[in-house]
Amino acid sequence: MPDFDFDAKVDELIASDWTGVTITHPYKIAARTRAGDGMIAEAAHLAASNLLTFRPKTKGFNTDYTGFVGAWKATMGDALPGKVAVAGAGGVAGAIVPALVVLGASDITLWDPVPEAAEKMAELVGGPARAIGMDESGDATRDADGLVNASALGMGDDRRSAFDTAAIGEQSWAFDAVYTPTQTTFLKAAASQGLLAISGFDLFRHMILGSFEAYSGIRPDPVAMLPLIDALRPD
């Protein structure tokens, strides 16, 4: 939406007495800028925000970050991510890559069609994160313990995969941030090769827990709420 003015829309929502708004691709980095020093402490180190609340002042949250940590622990328990290859350095990567660091990833290679985006992301995250060129992605994929699609490839009617299917097979796990459809071309290929697949809907389920708390101020009971969220599965 080239003519969409993100800040003007936020101003309009505040003037209309909205409680807050959830933000998706491609405005998560703009939302982080808008939140400024109003980011909650847990997410203050992140480069993106996907939820803003407006009362009494603007606060920024990142339920992609908390959602991924929740989905990882629910699926993988205390397992460490190991060496991870990440395709995409946009808004959701700004949550997933720092979450991987917190979860104990030993090495994170990331790439993006815009090389500067991957370089900036690696610089912001630091630690085990490093940017590589697209031409190196095949080797990074084959060398990884886990694969992460943090791009929009595979969303909706797009049947492309962020990873060369021929390079999938020796890894242990795969995660796709796309949740419509829940079983993307990439995740299907990963599952067919025996990888433990974590879907974008797994992330979405845990995102809702954080979003509910951000909007209402009430911390939900995951045991009671997660089965209800399953009814929202798109396919």
C-alpha atoms as a PDB file:
ATOM      1  CA  MET A   1       0.000   0.000   0.000  1.00  0.00           C
ATOM      2  CA  PRO A   2       2.317   2.754  -1.246  1.00  0.00           C
ATOM      3  CA  ASP A   3      -0.095   5.563  -0.280  1.00  0.00           C
ATOM      4  CA  PHE A   4      -0.721   4.282   3.257  1.00  0.00           C
ATOM      5  CA  ASP A   5       0.499   6.666   5.979  1.00  0.00           C
ATOM      6  CA  PHE A   6       1.138   4.547   9.066  1.00  0.00           C
ATOM      7  CA  ASP A   7       1.564   7.407  11.533  1.00  0.00           C
ATOM      8  CA  ALA A   8      -1.513   9.188  10.225  1.00  0.00           C
ATOM      9  CA  LYS A   9      -3.561   6.016  10.713  1.00  0.00           C
ATOM     10  CA  VAL A  10      -2.291   5.621  14.289  1.00  0.00           C
ATOM     11  CA  ASP A  11      -3.185   9.268  14.995  1.00  0.00           C
ATOM     12  CA  GLU A  12      -6.658   8.603  13.603  1.00  0.00           C
ATOM     13  CA  LEU A  13      -7.128   5.561  15.838  1.00  0.00           C
ATOM     14  CA  ILE A  14      -6.029   7.478  18.928  1.00  0.00           C
ATOM     15  CA  ALA A  15      -8.387  10.335  18.073  1.00  0.00           C
ATOM     16  CA  SER A  16     -11.192   7.779  17.648  1.00  0.00           C
ATOM     17  CA  ASP A  17     -10.542   6.454  21.186  1.00  0.00           C
ATOM     18  CA  TRP A  18      -9.251   3.018  20.156  1.00  0.00           C
ATOM     19  CA  THR A  19      -7.600   0.947  22.871  1.00  0.00           C
ATOM     20  CA  GLY A  20      -4.856  -0.212  20.528  1.00  0.00           C
ATOM     21  CA  VAL A  21      -4.061  -1.947  17.258  1.00  0.00           C
ATOM     22  CA  THR A  22      -2.244  -5.037  16.010  1.00  0.00           C
ATOM     23  CA  ILE A  23       0.259  -4.457  13.216  1.00  0.00           C
ATOM     24  CA  THR A  24       1.403  -6.867  10.525  1.00  0.00           C
ATOM     25  CA  HIS A  25       3.822  -6.934   7.576  1.00  0.00           C
ATOM     26  CA  PRO A  26       5.207  -4.531   6.372  1.00  0.00           C
ATOM     27  CA  TYR A  27       4.633  -1.976   9.179  1.00  0.00           C
ATOM     28  CA  LYS A  28       6.198  -3.657  12.224  1.00  0.00           C
ATOM     29  CA  ILE A  29       9.404  -1.639  12.087  1.00  0.00           C
ATOM     30  CA  ALA A  30       7.380   1.573  11.703  1.00  0.00           C
ATOM     31  CA  ALA A  31       5.372   0.541  14.762  1.00  0.00           C
ATOM     32  CA  ARG A  32       8.580   0.108  16.769  1.00  0.00           C
ATOM     33  CA  THR A  33       9.639   3.615  15.763  1.00  0.00           C
ATOM     34  CA  ARG A  34       6.242   4.941  16.790  1.00  0.00           C
ATOM     35  CA  ALA A  35       6.456   3.239  20.198  1.00  0.00           C
ATOM     36  CA  GLY A  36       9.827   4.850  20.924  1.00  0.00           C
ATOM     37  CA  ASP A  37      10.681   4.590  24.623  1.00  0.00           C
ATOM     38  CA  GLY A  38       7.183   3.248  25.241  1.00  0.00           C
ATOM     39  CA  MET A  39       8.220  -0.327  24.382  1.00  0.00           C
ATOM     40  CA  ILE A  40       7.642  -2.682  27.304  1.00  0.00           C
ATOM     41  CA  ALA A  41      10.866  -3.718  29.041  1.00  0.00           C
ATOM     42  CA  GLU A  42      10.703  -7.306  27.756  1.00  0.00           C
ATOM     43  CA  ALA A  43      10.680  -6.085  24.151  1.00  0.00           C
ATOM     44  CA  ALA A  44      12.693  -2.869  24.394  1.00  0.00           C
ATOM     45  CA  HIS A  45      15.729  -4.456  22.701  1.00  0.00           C
ATOM     46  CA  LEU A  46      13.737  -5.452  19.606  1.00  0.00           C
ATOM     47  CA  ALA A  47      13.710  -3.692  16.236  1.00  0.00           C
ATOM     48  CA  ALA A  48      10.005  -4.330  15.561  1.00  0.00           C
ATOM     49  CA  SER A  49       6.630  -4.080  17.273  1.00  0.00           C
ATOM     50  CA  ASN A  50       3.397  -5.779  16.268  1.00  0.00           C
ATOM     51  CA  LEU A  51       1.012  -4.303  18.822  1.00  0.00           C
ATOM     52  CA  LEU A  52       0.441  -0.796  20.142  1.00  0.00           C
ATOM     53  CA  THR A  53      -1.848   0.270  22.968  1.00  0.00           C
ATOM     54  CA  PHE A  54      -2.801   3.914  23.441  1.00  0.00           C
ATOM     55  CA  ARG A  55      -3.958   4.391  27.035  1.00  0.00           C
ATOM     56  CA  PRO A  56      -2.770   6.325  28.976  1.00  0.00           C
ATOM     57  CA  LYS A  57       0.135   6.701  26.515  1.00  0.00           C
ATOM     58  CA  THR A  58       1.395   4.690  23.572  1.00  0.00           C
ATOM     59  CA  LYS A  59       3.058   1.397  24.547  1.00  0.00           C
ATOM     60  CA  GLY A  60       4.683  -1.079  22.187  1.00  0.00           C
ATOM     61  CA  PHE A  61       4.659  -4.868  22.434  1.00  0.00           C
ATOM     62  CA  ASN A  62       6.043  -7.694  20.354  1.00  0.00           C
ATOM     63  CA  THR A  63       3.913 -10.794  20.636  1.00  0.00           C
ATOM     64  CA  ASP A  64       5.845 -12.342  17.725  1.00  0.00           C
ATOM     65  CA  TYR A  65       8.755 -12.529  20.173  1.00  0.00           C
ATOM     66  CA  THR A  66       6.831 -13.881  23.158  1.00  0.00           C
ATOM     67  CA  GLY A  67       4.732 -16.060  20.845  1.00  0.00           C
ATOM     68  CA  PHE A  68       7.762 -17.713  19.279  1.00  0.00           C
ATOM     69  CA  VAL A  69       9.335 -18.396  22.681  1.00  0.00           C
ATOM     70  CA  GLY A  70       6.038 -19.911  23.835  1.00  0.00           C
ATOM     71  CA  ALA A  71       5.620 -22.025  20.696  1.00  0.00           C
ATOM     72  CA  TRP A  72       9.219 -23.238  20.922  1.00  0.00           C
ATOM     73  CA  LYS A  73       8.912 -24.304  24.551  1.00  0.00           C
ATOM     74  CA  ALA A  74       5.541 -25.964  23.940  1.00  0.00           C
ATOM     75  CA  THR A  75       6.985 -28.004  21.058  1.00  0.00           C
ATOM     76  CA  MET A  76      10.659 -28.413  21.917  1.00  0.00           C
ATOM     77  CA  GLY A  77      10.727 -28.162  25.704  1.00  0.00           C
ATOM     78  CA  ASP A  78      14.207 -27.267  26.958  1.00  0.00           C
ATOM     79  CA  ALA A  79      15.980 -28.253  23.713  1.00  0.00           C
ATOM     80  CA  LEU A  80      18.454 -25.726  22.323  1.00  0.00           C
ATOM     81  CA  PRO A  81      18.002 -24.430  18.739  1.00  0.00           C
ATOM     82  CA  GLY A  82      21.613 -25.209  17.749  1.00  0.00           C
ATOM     83  CA  LYS A  83      22.798 -23.709  14.459  1.00  0.00           C
ATOM     84  CA  VAL A  84      19.966 -21.890  12.699  1.00  0.00           C
ATOM     85  CA  ALA A  85      19.536 -20.637   9.129  1.00  0.00           C
ATOM     86  CA  VAL A  86      17.046 -17.775   8.781  1.00  0.00           C
ATOM     87  CA  ALA A  87      15.525 -16.655   5.472  1.00  0.00           C
ATOM     88  CA  GLY A  88      14.284 -13.068   5.664  1.00  0.00           C
ATOM     89  CA  ALA A  89      15.306 -10.031   7.711  1.00  0.00           C
ATOM     90  CA  GLY A  90      12.066  -8.053   7.876  1.00  0.00           C
ATOM     91  CA  GLY A  91       9.774  -7.247  10.786  1.00  0.00           C
ATOM     92  CA  VAL A  92       9.095 -10.767  12.081  1.00  0.00           C
ATOM     93  CA  ALA A  93      12.809 -11.615  11.928  1.00  0.00           C
ATOM     94  CA  GLY A  94      13.332  -8.722  14.320  1.00  0.00           C
ATOM     95  CA  ALA A  95      11.456 -10.810  16.882  1.00  0.00           C
ATOM     96  CA  ILE A  96      12.414 -14.363  15.927  1.00  0.00           C
ATOM     97  CA  VAL A  97      16.188 -13.855  15.739  1.00  0.00           C
ATOM     98  CA  PRO A  98      16.477 -12.270  19.231  1.00  0.00           C
ATOM     99  CA  ALA A  99      14.195 -15.030  20.559  1.00  0.00           C
ATOM    100  CA  LEU A 100      16.569 -17.640  19.135  1.00  0.00           C
ATOM    101  CA  VAL A 101      19.440 -15.944  20.949  1.00  0.00           C
ATOM    102  CA  VAL A 102      17.519 -16.032  24.242  1.00  0.00           C
ATOM    103  CA  LEU A 103      16.674 -19.698  23.638  1.00  0.00           C
ATOM    104  CA  GLY A 104      20.376 -20.496  23.285  1.00  0.00           C
ATOM    105  CA  ALA A 105      21.081 -20.745  19.538  1.00  0.00           C
ATOM    106  CA  SER A 106      24.805 -21.304  18.990  1.00  0.00           C
ATOM    107  CA  ASP A 107      24.960 -19.775  15.502  1.00  0.00           C
ATOM    108  CA  ILE A 108      22.421 -17.834  13.418  1.00  0.00           C
ATOM    109  CA  THR A 109      22.985 -17.118   9.734  1.00  0.00           C
ATOM    110  CA  LEU A 110      20.468 -14.863   8.026  1.00  0.00           C
ATOM    111  CA  TRP A 111      19.986 -13.570   4.526  1.00  0.00           C
ATOM    112  CA  ASP A 112      17.565 -11.356   2.664  1.00  0.00           C
ATOM    113  CA  PRO A 113      17.054 -10.190  -0.948  1.00  0.00           C
ATOM    114  CA  VAL A 114      18.051  -6.784   0.438  1.00  0.00           C
ATOM    115  CA  PRO A 115      21.542  -7.533   1.819  1.00  0.00           C
ATOM    116  CA  GLU A 116      21.593  -4.352   3.899  1.00  0.00           C
ATOM    117  CA  ALA A 117      18.533  -5.569   5.814  1.00  0.00           C
ATOM    118  CA  ALA A 118      20.282  -8.788   6.853  1.00  0.00           C
ATOM    119  CA  GLU A 119      23.453  -6.907   7.763  1.00  0.00           C
ATOM    120  CA  LYS A 120      21.517  -4.416   9.881  1.00  0.00           C
ATOM    121  CA  MET A 121      19.602  -7.209  11.619  1.00  0.00           C
ATOM    122  CA  ALA A 122      22.797  -9.102  12.471  1.00  0.00           C
ATOM    123  CA  GLU A 123      24.398  -5.914  13.766  1.00  0.00           C
ATOM    124  CA  LEU A 124      21.378  -5.093  15.942  1.00  0.00           C
ATOM    125  CA  VAL A 125      21.130  -8.592  17.410  1.00  0.00           C
ATOM    126  CA  GLY A 126      24.842  -9.258  17.741  1.00  0.00           C
ATOM    127  CA  GLY A 127      26.047 -12.394  19.505  1.00  0.00           C
ATOM    128  CA  PRO A 128      25.730 -15.477  17.313  1.00  0.00           C
ATOM    129  CA  ALA A 129      23.875 -13.675  14.496  1.00  0.00           C
ATOM    130  CA  ARG A 130      25.655 -12.976  11.214  1.00  0.00           C
ATOM    131  CA  ALA A 131      24.507 -11.960   7.745  1.00  0.00           C
ATOM    132  CA  ILE A 132      25.415 -13.866   4.605  1.00  0.00           C
ATOM    133  CA  GLY A 133      24.726 -13.388   0.912  1.00  0.00           C
ATOM    134  CA  MET A 134      21.889 -15.133  -0.903  1.00  0.00           C
ATOM    135  CA  ASP A 135      24.493 -17.143  -2.808  1.00  0.00           C
ATOM    136  CA  GLU A 136      25.659 -18.690   0.479  1.00  0.00           C
ATOM    137  CA  SER A 137      22.193 -19.696   1.662  1.00  0.00           C
ATOM    138  CA  GLY A 138      22.378 -23.234   0.276  1.00  0.00           C
ATOM    139  CA  ASP A 139      25.474 -24.115   2.277  1.00  0.00           C
ATOM    140  CA  ALA A 140      24.026 -22.457   5.391  1.00  0.00           C
ATOM    141  CA  THR A 141      20.822 -24.466   4.972  1.00  0.00           C
ATOM    142  CA  ARG A 142      22.648 -27.773   4.703  1.00  0.00           C
ATOM    143  CA  ASP A 143      24.856 -26.951   7.698  1.00  0.00           C
ATOM    144  CA  ALA A 144      22.013 -25.926  10.014  1.00  0.00           C
ATOM    145  CA  ASP A 145      20.247 -27.775  12.811  1.00  0.00           C
ATOM    146  CA  GLY A 146      17.118 -25.678  12.316  1.00  0.00           C
ATOM    147  CA  LEU A 147      15.518 -23.662   9.511  1.00  0.00           C
ATOM    148  CA  VAL A 148      13.391 -20.531   9.909  1.00  0.00           C
ATOM    149  CA  ASN A 149      11.322 -18.836   7.232  1.00  0.00           C
ATOM    150  CA  ALA A 150      10.923 -15.248   8.392  1.00  0.00           C
ATOM    151  CA  SER A 151       9.923 -14.027   4.933  1.00  0.00           C
ATOM    152  CA  ALA A 152       6.505 -13.753   3.276  1.00  0.00           C
ATOM    153  CA  LEU A 153       7.301 -16.585   0.844  1.00  0.00           C
ATOM    154  CA  GLY A 154       4.575 -19.222   0.996  1.00  0.00           C
ATOM    155  CA  MET A 155       1.831 -16.876   2.192  1.00  0.00           C
ATOM    156  CA  GLY A 156      -1.667 -17.251   0.736  1.00  0.00           C
ATOM    157  CA  ASP A 157      -1.578 -18.600  -2.808  1.00  0.00           C
ATOM    158  CA  ASP A 158       2.214 -18.332  -3.013  1.00  0.00           C
ATOM    159  CA  ARG A 159       3.544 -21.887  -3.206  1.00  0.00           C
ATOM    160  CA  ARG A 160       7.217 -20.948  -3.179  1.00  0.00           C
ATOM    161  CA  SER A 161       9.602 -22.049  -0.445  1.00  0.00           C
ATOM    162  CA  ALA A 162      12.270 -19.898   1.156  1.00  0.00           C
ATOM    163  CA  PHE A 163      14.560 -22.954   1.169  1.00  0.00           C
ATOM    164  CA  ASP A 164      15.733 -25.226  -1.607  1.00  0.00           C
ATOM    165  CA  THR A 165      13.907 -28.476  -0.906  1.00  0.00           C
ATOM    166  CA  ALA A 166      16.961 -30.422  -2.088  1.00  0.00           C
ATOM    167  CA  ALA A 167      18.907 -28.966   0.855  1.00  0.00           C
ATOM    168  CA  ILE A 168      16.346 -30.056   3.458  1.00  0.00           C
ATOM    169  CA  GLY A 169      16.821 -33.351   5.241  1.00  0.00           C
ATOM    170  CA  GLU A 170      19.768 -33.342   7.647  1.00  0.00           C
ATOM    171  CA  GLN A 171      18.318 -30.688   9.964  1.00  0.00           C
ATOM    172  CA  SER A 172      16.347 -31.404  13.160  1.00  0.00           C
ATOM    173  CA  TRP A 173      13.570 -28.821  13.067  1.00  0.00           C
ATOM    174  CA  ALA A 174      11.877 -26.180  10.925  1.00  0.00           C
ATOM    175  CA  PHE A 175       9.712 -23.135  11.646  1.00  0.00           C
ATOM    176  CA  ASP A 176       7.643 -21.075   9.217  1.00  0.00           C
ATOM    177  CA  ALA A 177       6.296 -17.708  10.373  1.00  0.00           C
ATOM    178  CA  VAL A 178       3.582 -17.914   7.673  1.00  0.00           C
ATOM    179  CA  TYR A 179       0.301 -19.228   9.095  1.00  0.00           C
ATOM    180  CA  THR A 180      -2.047 -18.933   6.135  1.00  0.00           C
ATOM    181  CA  PRO A 181      -1.796 -21.699   5.064  1.00  0.00           C
ATOM    182  CA  THR A 182      -0.594 -23.532   8.152  1.00  0.00           C
ATOM    183  CA  GLN A 183       1.139 -26.179   6.034  1.00  0.00           C
ATOM    184  CA  THR A 184       3.307 -24.284   3.587  1.00  0.00           C
ATOM    185  CA  THR A 185       5.377 -25.832   0.825  1.00  0.00           C
ATOM    186  CA  PHE A 186       8.429 -25.382   3.047  1.00  0.00           C
ATOM    187  CA  LEU A 187       6.895 -27.060   6.114  1.00  0.00           C
ATOM    188  CA  LYS A 188       5.530 -29.932   4.055  1.00  0.00           C
ATOM    189  CA  ALA A 189       8.993 -30.554   2.618  1.00  0.00           C
ATOM    190  CA  ALA A 190      10.547 -30.374   6.087  1.00  0.00           C
ATOM    191  CA  ALA A 191       8.005 -32.760   7.619  1.00  0.00           C
ATOM    192  CA  SER A 192       8.428 -35.208   4.728  1.00  0.00           C
ATOM    193  CA  GLN A 193      12.139 -35.370   5.560  1.00  0.00           C
ATOM    194  CA  GLY A 194      11.470 -36.092   9.232  1.00  0.00           C
ATOM    195  CA  LEU A 195      12.111 -32.620  10.635  1.00  0.00           C
ATOM    196  CA  LEU A 196      10.028 -31.497  13.605  1.00  0.00           C
ATOM    197  CA  ALA A 197       7.870 -28.742  12.082  1.00  0.00           C
ATOM    198  CA  ILE A 198       6.635 -25.724  14.040  1.00  0.00           C
ATOM    199  CA  SER A 199       3.979 -23.825  12.103  1.00  0.00           C
ATOM    200  CA  GLY A 200       3.125 -20.178  12.019  1.00  0.00           C
ATOM    201  CA  PHE A 201      -0.183 -21.125  13.609  1.00  0.00           C
ATOM    202  CA  ASP A 202       1.734 -22.471  16.616  1.00  0.00           C
ATOM    203  CA  LEU A 203       3.258 -18.996  16.890  1.00  0.00           C
ATOM    204  CA  PHE A 204      -0.153 -17.392  16.344  1.00  0.00           C
ATOM    205  CA  ARG A 205      -1.712 -19.372  19.222  1.00  0.00           C
ATOM    206  CA  HIS A 206       0.850 -18.069  21.683  1.00  0.00           C
ATOM    207  CA  MET A 207       0.729 -14.578  20.180  1.00  0.00           C
ATOM    208  CA  ILE A 208      -2.943 -14.386  21.110  1.00  0.00           C
ATOM    209  CA  LEU A 209      -2.141 -15.020  24.756  1.00  0.00           C
ATOM    210  CA  GLY A 210       0.186 -12.016  24.775  1.00  0.00           C
ATOM    211  CA  SER A 211      -2.212  -9.858  22.777  1.00  0.00           C
ATOM    212  CA  PHE A 212      -5.090 -10.614  25.136  1.00  0.00           C
ATOM    213  CA  GLU A 213      -2.983  -9.550  28.102  1.00  0.00           C
ATOM    214  CA  ALA A 214      -1.748  -6.393  26.340  1.00  0.00           C
ATOM    215  CA  TYR A 215      -5.263  -5.221  25.485  1.00  0.00           C
ATOM    216  CA  SER A 216      -7.067  -6.304  28.661  1.00  0.00           C
ATOM    217  CA  GLY A 217      -4.421  -6.248  31.372  1.00  0.00           C
ATOM    218  CA  ILE A 218      -5.503  -9.789  32.316  1.00  0.00           C
ATOM    219  CA  ARG A 219      -3.059 -12.689  32.038  1.00  0.00           C
ATOM    220  CA  PRO A 220      -4.924 -15.653  30.494  1.00  0.00           C
ATOM    221  CA  ASP A 221      -4.606 -19.275  31.546  1.00  0.00           C
ATOM    222  CA  PRO A 222      -2.894 -21.035  28.595  1.00  0.00           C
ATOM    223  CA  VAL A 223      -4.374 -24.419  29.498  1.00  0.00           C
ATOM    224  CA  ALA A 224      -7.882 -23.008  29.252  1.00  0.00           C
ATOM    225  CA  MET A 225      -7.360 -20.627  26.322  1.00  0.00           C
ATOM    226  CA  LEU A 226      -5.162 -22.469  23.828  1.00  0.00           C
ATOM    227  CA  PRO A 227      -7.776 -25.138  22.949  1.00  0.00           C
ATOM    228  CA  LEU A 228     -10.267 -22.348  22.211  1.00  0.00           C
ATOM    229  CA  ILE A 229      -7.785 -20.652  19.874  1.00  0.00           C
ATOM    230  CA  ASP A 230      -7.463 -23.873  17.864  1.00  0.00           C
ATOM    231  CA  ALA A 231     -10.923 -23.178  16.445  1.00  0.00           C
ATOM    232  CA  LEU A 232      -9.369 -20.257  14.535  1.00  0.00           C
ATOM    233  CA  ARG A 233      -7.089 -22.521  12.499  1.00  0.00           C
ATOM    234  CA  PRO A 234      -7.516 -21.324   8.883  1.00  0.00           C
ATOM    235  CA  ASP A 235      -7.236 -24.735   7.202  1.00  0.00           C
END
